[in-house]
C-alpha atoms as a PDB file:
ATOM      1  CA  MET A   1     109.297  88.633 126.646  1.00  0.00           C
ATOM      2  CA  LYS A   2     109.117  85.873 124.313  1.00  0.00           C
ATOM      3  CA  ARG A   3     110.139  86.893 120.739  1.00  0.00           C
ATOM      4  CA  SER A   4     108.895  85.638 117.271  1.00  0.00           C
ATOM      5  CA  VAL A   5     110.831  85.336 113.962  1.00  0.00           C
ATOM      6  CA  LEU A   6     109.442  84.545 110.571  1.00  0.00           C
ATOM      7  CA  LEU A   7     112.172  82.659 108.586  1.00  0.00           C
ATOM      8  CA  VAL A   8     111.896  82.696 104.861  1.00  0.00           C
ATOM      9  CA  GLU A   9     114.164  80.272 103.202  1.00  0.00           C
ATOM     10  CA  ASP A  10     113.823  77.669 100.640  1.00  0.00           C
ATOM     11  CA  GLU A  11     116.817  75.502 101.649  1.00  0.00           C
ATOM     12  CA  SER A  12     115.091  73.251 104.160  1.00  0.00           C
ATOM     13  CA  ARG A  13     118.447  72.119 105.902  1.00  0.00           C
ATOM     14  CA  ILE A  14     119.349  75.842 106.586  1.00  0.00           C
ATOM     15  CA  ARG A  15     115.765  76.824 107.807  1.00  0.00           C
ATOM     16  CA  GLU A  16     115.969  73.718 110.241  1.00  0.00           C
ATOM     17  CA  ILE A  17     119.257  74.522 111.575  1.00  0.00           C
ATOM     18  CA  VAL A  18     118.557  78.299 111.901  1.00  0.00           C
ATOM     19  CA  ALA A  19     115.041  77.420 113.533  1.00  0.00           C
ATOM     20  CA  ASP A  20     116.641  75.093 116.106  1.00  0.00           C
ATOM     21  CA  TYR A  21     119.079  78.039 117.305  1.00  0.00           C
ATOM     22  CA  PHE A  22     116.282  80.521 117.575  1.00  0.00           C
ATOM     23  CA  ALA A  23     114.220  78.071 119.574  1.00  0.00           C
ATOM     24  CA  GLU A  24     117.099  77.380 121.959  1.00  0.00           C
ATOM     25  CA  GLU A  25     116.961  81.072 122.792  1.00  0.00           C
ATOM     26  CA  GLN A  26     113.269  80.859 123.330  1.00  0.00           C
ATOM     27  CA  TRP A  27     112.073  82.389 120.314  1.00  0.00           C
ATOM     28  CA  THR A  28     108.845  81.470 118.592  1.00  0.00           C
ATOM     29  CA  VAL A  29     109.763  80.348 114.906  1.00  0.00           C
ATOM     30  CA  HIS A  30     107.319  80.632 112.009  1.00  0.00           C
ATOM     31  CA  GLU A  31     108.590  79.334 108.647  1.00  0.00           C
ATOM     32  CA  ALA A  32     108.055  79.725 104.894  1.00  0.00           C
ATOM     33  CA  ASP A  33     109.759  78.404 101.972  1.00  0.00           C
ATOM     34  CA  ASN A  34     108.849  80.916  99.411  1.00  0.00           C
ATOM     35  CA  GLY A  35     108.083  84.547  99.367  1.00  0.00           C
ATOM     36  CA  GLY A  36     104.205  84.296  98.342  1.00  0.00           C
ATOM     37  CA  ASP A  37     103.604  82.171 101.505  1.00  0.00           C
ATOM     38  CA  ALA A  38     105.567  84.545 103.526  1.00  0.00           C
ATOM     39  CA  LEU A  39     103.409  87.486 102.710  1.00  0.00           C
ATOM     40  CA  ASP A  40     100.261  85.709 103.130  1.00  0.00           C
ATOM     41  CA  MET A  41     101.458  84.514 106.621  1.00  0.00           C
ATOM     42  CA  LEU A  42     102.334  88.398 107.393  1.00  0.00           C
ATOM     43  CA  GLU A  43      98.616  89.193 106.574  1.00  0.00           C
ATOM     44  CA  THR A  44      97.398  87.389 109.879  1.00  0.00           C
ATOM     45  CA  MET A  45     100.491  87.679 112.126  1.00  0.00           C
ATOM     46  CA  ARG A  46     103.069  90.099 113.138  1.00  0.00           C
ATOM     47  CA  PRO A  47     106.386  88.555 114.276  1.00  0.00           C
ATOM     48  CA  ASP A  48     109.162  90.505 115.595  1.00  0.00           C
ATOM     49  CA  LEU A  49     111.743  90.050 113.009  1.00  0.00           C
ATOM     50  CA  VAL A  50     111.724  88.629 109.391  1.00  0.00           C
ATOM     51  CA  ILE A  51     114.953  86.579 108.147  1.00  0.00           C
ATOM     52  CA  LEU A  52     114.474  86.704 104.768  1.00  0.00           C
ATOM     53  CA  ASP A  53     116.713  84.922 101.928  1.00  0.00           C
ATOM     54  CA  ILE A  54     117.152  86.663  98.459  1.00  0.00           C
ATOM     55  CA  TRP A  55     117.015  83.852  96.176  1.00  0.00           C
ATOM     56  CA  LEU A  56     113.555  82.382  96.764  1.00  0.00           C
ATOM     57  CA  PRO A  57     111.302  80.369  94.255  1.00  0.00           C
ATOM     58  CA  GLY A  58     108.544  82.727  92.672  1.00  0.00           C
ATOM     59  CA  LEU A  59     108.985  86.130  94.215  1.00  0.00           C
ATOM     60  CA  ASP A  60     112.459  87.017  95.183  1.00  0.00           C
ATOM     61  CA  GLY A  61     113.815  88.401  98.568  1.00  0.00           C
ATOM     62  CA  TRP A  62     113.912  91.761  97.315  1.00  0.00           C
ATOM     63  CA  THR A  63     110.449  91.854  95.938  1.00  0.00           C
ATOM     64  CA  VAL A  64     109.046  90.512  99.204  1.00  0.00           C
ATOM     65  CA  CYS A  65     111.319  93.188 101.158  1.00  0.00           C
ATOM     66  CA  LYS A  66     109.735  95.874  99.062  1.00  0.00           C
ATOM     67  CA  ARG A  67     106.145  94.632  99.803  1.00  0.00           C
ATOM     68  CA  ILE A  68     106.637  94.201 103.363  1.00  0.00           C
ATOM     69  CA  ARG A  69     108.199  97.732 103.708  1.00  0.00           C
ATOM     70  CA  ALA A  70     105.093  99.127 101.757  1.00  0.00           C
ATOM     71  CA  LYS A  71     102.939  98.191 104.858  1.00  0.00           C
ATOM     72  CA  SER A  72     105.135  97.517 107.836  1.00  0.00           C
ATOM     73  CA  ASP A  73     108.053  98.454 109.935  1.00  0.00           C
ATOM     74  CA  ILE A  74     109.001  95.107 110.913  1.00  0.00           C
ATOM     75  CA  PRO A  75     112.832  94.507 111.140  1.00  0.00           C
ATOM     76  CA  ILE A  76     114.297  92.750 108.037  1.00  0.00           C
ATOM     77  CA  ILE A  77     117.610  90.778 107.943  1.00  0.00           C
ATOM     78  CA  MET A  78     118.253  89.612 104.607  1.00  0.00           C
ATOM     79  CA  LEU A  79     120.195  86.385 103.683  1.00  0.00           C
ATOM     80  CA  THR A  80     122.398  86.173 100.460  1.00  0.00           C
ATOM     81  CA  ALA A  81     124.923  83.643  98.977  1.00  0.00           C
ATOM     82  CA  ARG A  82     126.623  86.702  97.615  1.00  0.00           C
ATOM     83  CA  SER A  83     128.725  89.698  99.110  1.00  0.00           C
ATOM     84  CA  GLU A  84     128.670  92.218  96.426  1.00  0.00           C
ATOM     85  CA  ASP A  85     128.106  95.773  97.534  1.00  0.00           C
ATOM     86  CA  ASP A  86     125.230  96.384  94.845  1.00  0.00           C
ATOM     87  CA  ASP A  87     123.129  93.679  96.170  1.00  0.00           C
ATOM     88  CA  LYS A  88     123.453  94.982  99.878  1.00  0.00           C
ATOM     89  CA  LEU A  89     122.754  98.645  98.610  1.00  0.00           C
ATOM     90  CA  LEU A  90     119.715  97.512  96.966  1.00  0.00           C
ATOM     91  CA  GLY A  91     118.362  95.669 100.115  1.00  0.00           C
ATOM     92  CA  PHE A  92     119.098  98.589 102.287  1.00  0.00           C
ATOM     93  CA  GLU A  93     117.361 100.928  99.591  1.00  0.00           C
ATOM     94  CA  LEU A  94     114.424  98.606  99.649  1.00  0.00           C
ATOM     95  CA  GLY A  95     114.186  98.902 103.411  1.00  0.00           C
ATOM     96  CA  ALA A  96     116.368  95.932 104.992  1.00  0.00           C
ATOM     97  CA  ASP A  97     117.813  96.468 108.277  1.00  0.00           C
ATOM     98  CA  ASP A  98     120.682  94.076 108.137  1.00  0.00           C
ATOM     99  CA  TYR A  99     122.658  91.775 105.823  1.00  0.00           C
ATOM    100  CA  VAL A 100     124.100  88.322 106.394  1.00  0.00           C
ATOM    101  CA  THR A 101     126.101  86.382 103.675  1.00  0.00           C
ATOM    102  CA  LYS A 102     126.220  82.802 103.367  1.00  0.00           C
ATOM    103  CA  PRO A 103     127.803  80.592 104.797  1.00  0.00           C
ATOM    104  CA  PHE A 104     127.121  82.152 108.089  1.00  0.00           C
ATOM    105  CA  SER A 105     127.265  80.871 111.940  1.00  0.00           C
ATOM    106  CA  PRO A 106     123.545  80.312 113.236  1.00  0.00           C
ATOM    107  CA  ARG A 107     124.671  81.621 116.475  1.00  0.00           C
ATOM    108  CA  LEU A 108     126.013  84.878 115.100  1.00  0.00           C
ATOM    109  CA  LEU A 109     122.695  85.221 113.051  1.00  0.00           C
ATOM    110  CA  VAL A 110     120.710  85.170 116.443  1.00  0.00           C
ATOM    111  CA  ALA A 111     123.063  87.478 118.019  1.00  0.00           C
ATOM    112  CA  ARG A 112     122.610  89.755 115.177  1.00  0.00           C
ATOM    113  CA  ALA A 113     118.705  89.294 115.591  1.00  0.00           C
ATOM    114  CA  LYS A 114     119.142  90.076 119.278  1.00  0.00           C
ATOM    115  CA  THR A 115     121.064  93.424 118.552  1.00  0.00           C
ATOM    116  CA  LEU A 116     118.893  94.554 115.789  1.00  0.00           C
ATOM    117  CA  ILE A 117     115.760  94.295 118.186  1.00  0.00           C
ATOM    118  CA  LYS A 118     117.533  96.073 120.691  1.00  0.00           C
ATOM    119  CA  ARG A 119     118.309  98.706 118.283  1.00  0.00           C
ATOM    120  CA  VAL A 120     114.912  99.186 116.860  1.00  0.00           C
ATOM    121  CA  GLU A 121     113.420  99.362 120.511  1.00  0.00           C
ATOM    122  CA  GLY A 122     116.105 101.912 121.493  1.00  0.00           C
ATOM    123  CA  THR A 123     115.880 104.173 118.610  1.00  0.00           C
ATOM    124  CA  VAL A 124     115.916 107.931 119.298  1.00  0.00           C
ATOM    125  CA  GLY A 125     112.642 108.987 120.412  1.00  0.00           C
ATOM    126  CA  LYS A 126     111.262 106.125 122.415  1.00  0.00           C
ATOM    127  CA  ASP A 127     107.762 106.842 121.706  1.00  0.00           C
ATOM    128  CA  ASP A 128     108.108 106.755 117.873  1.00  0.00           C
ATOM    129  CA  HIS A 129     106.035 103.432 117.937  1.00  0.00           C
ATOM    130  CA  ILE A 130     103.086 105.560 119.407  1.00  0.00           C
ATOM    131  CA  ILE A 131     100.635 107.328 117.209  1.00  0.00           C
ATOM    132  CA  ARG A 132      98.176 109.849 118.600  1.00  0.00           C
ATOM    133  CA  PHE A 133      95.456 111.719 116.914  1.00  0.00           C
ATOM    134  CA  GLY A 134      92.282 112.825 118.479  1.00  0.00           C
ATOM    135  CA  ARG A 135      91.337 110.354 121.215  1.00  0.00           C
ATOM    136  CA  VAL A 136      93.180 107.515 119.546  1.00  0.00           C
ATOM    137  CA  VAL A 137      96.522 106.124 120.370  1.00  0.00           C
ATOM    138  CA  VAL A 138      98.007 103.617 118.084  1.00  0.00           C
ATOM    139  CA  ASN A 139     100.839 101.267 119.723  1.00  0.00           C
ATOM    140  CA  LYS A 140     102.604  99.936 116.903  1.00  0.00           C
ATOM    141  CA  ARG A 141     104.703  97.615 118.904  1.00  0.00           C
ATOM    142  CA  ALA A 142     101.790  96.058 120.695  1.00  0.00           C
ATOM    143  CA  HIS A 143      99.780  96.184 117.589  1.00  0.00           C
ATOM    144  CA  ARG A 144      96.979  98.031 119.598  1.00  0.00           C
ATOM    145  CA  VAL A 145      94.585 100.852 119.069  1.00  0.00           C
ATOM    146  CA  ASP A 146      92.903 102.682 122.018  1.00  0.00           C
ATOM    147  CA  ILE A 147      90.191 105.288 121.952  1.00  0.00           C
ATOM    148  CA  ASP A 148      90.077 106.832 125.404  1.00  0.00           C
ATOM    149  CA  GLY A 149      91.915 104.093 126.822  1.00  0.00           C
ATOM    150  CA  SER A 150      89.659 101.374 125.652  1.00  0.00           C
ATOM    151  CA  GLY A 151      90.951  98.816 122.927  1.00  0.00           C
ATOM    152  CA  ILE A 152      89.256  98.400 119.700  1.00  0.00           C
ATOM    153  CA  GLU A 153      89.616  95.352 117.894  1.00  0.00           C
ATOM    154  CA  LEU A 154      90.757  95.861 113.933  1.00  0.00           C
ATOM    155  CA  SER A 155      91.393  93.144 111.621  1.00  0.00           C
ATOM    156  CA  PRO A 156      95.051  92.996 110.182  1.00  0.00           C
ATOM    157  CA  LYS A 157      93.892  95.031 106.948  1.00  0.00           C
ATOM    158  CA  GLU A 158      92.096  97.437 108.634  1.00  0.00           C
ATOM    159  CA  TYR A 159      95.026  97.993 110.940  1.00  0.00           C
ATOM    160  CA  GLU A 160      97.435  98.379 107.944  1.00  0.00           C
ATOM    161  CA  LEU A 161      94.936 100.581 106.138  1.00  0.00           C
ATOM    162  CA  LEU A 162      94.594 102.986 109.215  1.00  0.00           C
ATOM    163  CA  LEU A 163      98.405 103.211 109.427  1.00  0.00           C
ATOM    164  CA  TYR A 164      98.877 103.813 105.763  1.00  0.00           C
ATOM    165  CA  LEU A 165      96.355 106.592 105.713  1.00  0.00           C
ATOM    166  CA  TYR A 166      98.055 108.271 108.666  1.00  0.00           C
ATOM    167  CA  LYS A 167     101.613 107.864 107.279  1.00  0.00           C
ATOM    168  CA  ASN A 168     100.152 109.828 104.177  1.00  0.00           C
ATOM    169  CA  ALA A 169      98.212 112.303 106.168  1.00  0.00           C
ATOM    170  CA  GLY A 170      97.430 115.355 103.939  1.00  0.00           C
ATOM    171  CA  ILE A 171      97.721 113.299 100.833  1.00  0.00           C
ATOM    172  CA  VAL A 172      94.740 112.230  98.659  1.00  0.00           C
ATOM    173  CA  LEU A 173      95.364 108.498  98.112  1.00  0.00           C
ATOM    174  CA  SER A 174      93.302 107.041  95.398  1.00  0.00           C
ATOM    175  CA  ARG A 175      91.626 103.546  95.580  1.00  0.00           C
ATOM    176  CA  GLU A 176      94.083 102.014  93.126  1.00  0.00           C
ATOM    177  CA  THR A 177      96.909 103.309  95.151  1.00  0.00           C
ATOM    178  CA  ILE A 178      95.709 102.039  98.277  1.00  0.00           C
ATOM    179  CA  LEU A 179      94.882  98.705  96.574  1.00  0.00           C
ATOM    180  CA  ASP A 180      98.438  98.407  95.245  1.00  0.00           C
ATOM    181  CA  GLN A 181     100.189  99.196  98.441  1.00  0.00           C
ATOM    182  CA  LEU A 182      97.937  97.077 100.776  1.00  0.00           C
ATOM    183  CA  TRP A 183      96.627  94.135  98.633  1.00  0.00           C
ATOM    184  CA  GLY A 184      99.600  94.153  96.180  1.00  0.00           C
ATOM    185  CA  PHE A 185     100.150  94.650  92.564  1.00  0.00           C
ATOM    186  CA  ASP A 186      98.805  91.222  91.590  1.00  0.00           C
ATOM    187  CA  TYR A 187      95.465  91.630  93.425  1.00  0.00           C
ATOM    188  CA  ASP A 188      92.708  90.752  90.816  1.00  0.00           C
ATOM    189  CA  GLY A 189      89.667  91.690  92.831  1.00  0.00           C
ATOM    190  CA  ASP A 190      87.478  94.722  92.673  1.00  0.00           C
ATOM    191  CA  ALA A 191      88.861  98.137  93.949  1.00  0.00           C
ATOM    192  CA  ARG A 192      85.716  98.450  96.049  1.00  0.00           C
ATOM    193  CA  VAL A 193      87.362  96.064  98.505  1.00  0.00           C
ATOM    194  CA  VAL A 194      88.972  99.548  99.706  1.00  0.00           C
ATOM    195  CA  ASP A 195      85.754 101.222 100.318  1.00  0.00           C
ATOM    196  CA  THR A 196      84.458  98.304 102.165  1.00  0.00           C
ATOM    197  CA  HIS A 197      87.518  98.351 104.762  1.00  0.00           C
ATOM    198  CA  ILE A 198      87.242 102.284 104.795  1.00  0.00           C
ATOM    199  CA  LYS A 199      83.728 101.913 105.990  1.00  0.00           C
ATOM    200  CA  LYS A 200      84.368  99.224 108.590  1.00  0.00           C
ATOM    201  CA  LEU A 201      87.335 101.084 109.884  1.00  0.00           C
ATOM    202  CA  ARG A 202      85.253 104.244 110.121  1.00  0.00           C
ATOM    203  CA  SER A 203      82.349 102.118 111.913  1.00  0.00           C
ATOM    204  CA  LYS A 204      84.977 100.894 114.740  1.00  0.00           C
ATOM    205  CA  LEU A 205      86.651 104.597 114.993  1.00  0.00           C
ATOM    206  CA  GLY A 206      83.375 106.115 115.891  1.00  0.00           C
ATOM    207  CA  ASP A 207      83.439 109.877 116.171  1.00  0.00           C
ATOM    208  CA  GLU A 208      87.171 109.708 115.432  1.00  0.00           C
ATOM    209  CA  ALA A 209      86.405 108.517 111.885  1.00  0.00           C
ATOM    210  CA  ARG A 210      86.278 112.334 111.134  1.00  0.00           C
ATOM    211  CA  HIS A 211      90.039 112.009 110.523  1.00  0.00           C
ATOM    212  CA  ILE A 212      89.309 110.068 107.361  1.00  0.00           C
ATOM    213  CA  ARG A 213      87.879 111.978 104.642  1.00  0.00           C
ATOM    214  CA  THR A 214      86.514 111.132 101.336  1.00  0.00           C
ATOM    215  CA  VAL A 215      87.431 113.085  98.405  1.00  0.00           C
ATOM    216  CA  ILE A 216      84.956 112.914  95.772  1.00  0.00           C
ATOM    217  CA  ARG A 217      86.271 111.141  92.446  1.00  0.00           C
ATOM    218  CA  ALA A 218      89.640 110.957  93.856  1.00  0.00           C
ATOM    219  CA  GLY A 219      89.875 108.653  96.786  1.00  0.00           C
ATOM    220  CA  TYR A 220      90.606 109.470 100.684  1.00  0.00           C
ATOM    221  CA  LYS A 221      92.767 111.647 102.710  1.00  0.00           C
ATOM    222  CA  PHE A 222      93.616 111.507 106.430  1.00  0.00           C
ATOM    223  CA  GLU A 223      93.558 114.588 108.098  1.00  0.00           C
ATOM    224  CA  GLU A 224      94.919 114.938 112.014  1.00  0.00           C
ATOM    225  CA  ASP A 225      92.729 117.844 112.946  1.00  0.00           C
ATOM    226  CA  ARG A 226      89.404 118.790 111.491  1.00  0.00           C
END
């Protein structure tokens, strides 16, 4: 199966070399030279891997990593020009899966990427990527949602919203909390966008929308069995 990688690196020469090595191994390579563009791209695509430089213009790699992890389990390899343990520990605490220090061998980076993908796909509990509630089955690897075996089409935000609600089952989530986690702290739109997406998600889930409960004057709560 052909893999895809989002390469987030502001140094064009490094980006070009790394992209060439991944392309030689039949990976589809998507590129971004700053954190903001990378996050925008992840709204509409789901690569198998993100390679993320720490020292980016605008949003740094740590911030980007944190925002990715708030809504996605995509494997992340971080790139840094420094080898300090504190930097690496911070990256791991924010959810990075691996660390590569510059200068590095592009061939070695590709090998690390392959190893990481194999590790993620071979983790304990091979069905960890499968979520089931009611008649709904979510395959996180395939980015697919089925009800009674038939697929339903969710937008990227609706899909992220469903996973976020499920991950926090039993917890009342305010509109502001959902907005911050899925739209970002710098989103300056109206919190009612959450209600709009909840409404659309419920419509597509049909009877299984019963799992998403409205808590008056508080927000929303996911309940696996009602």
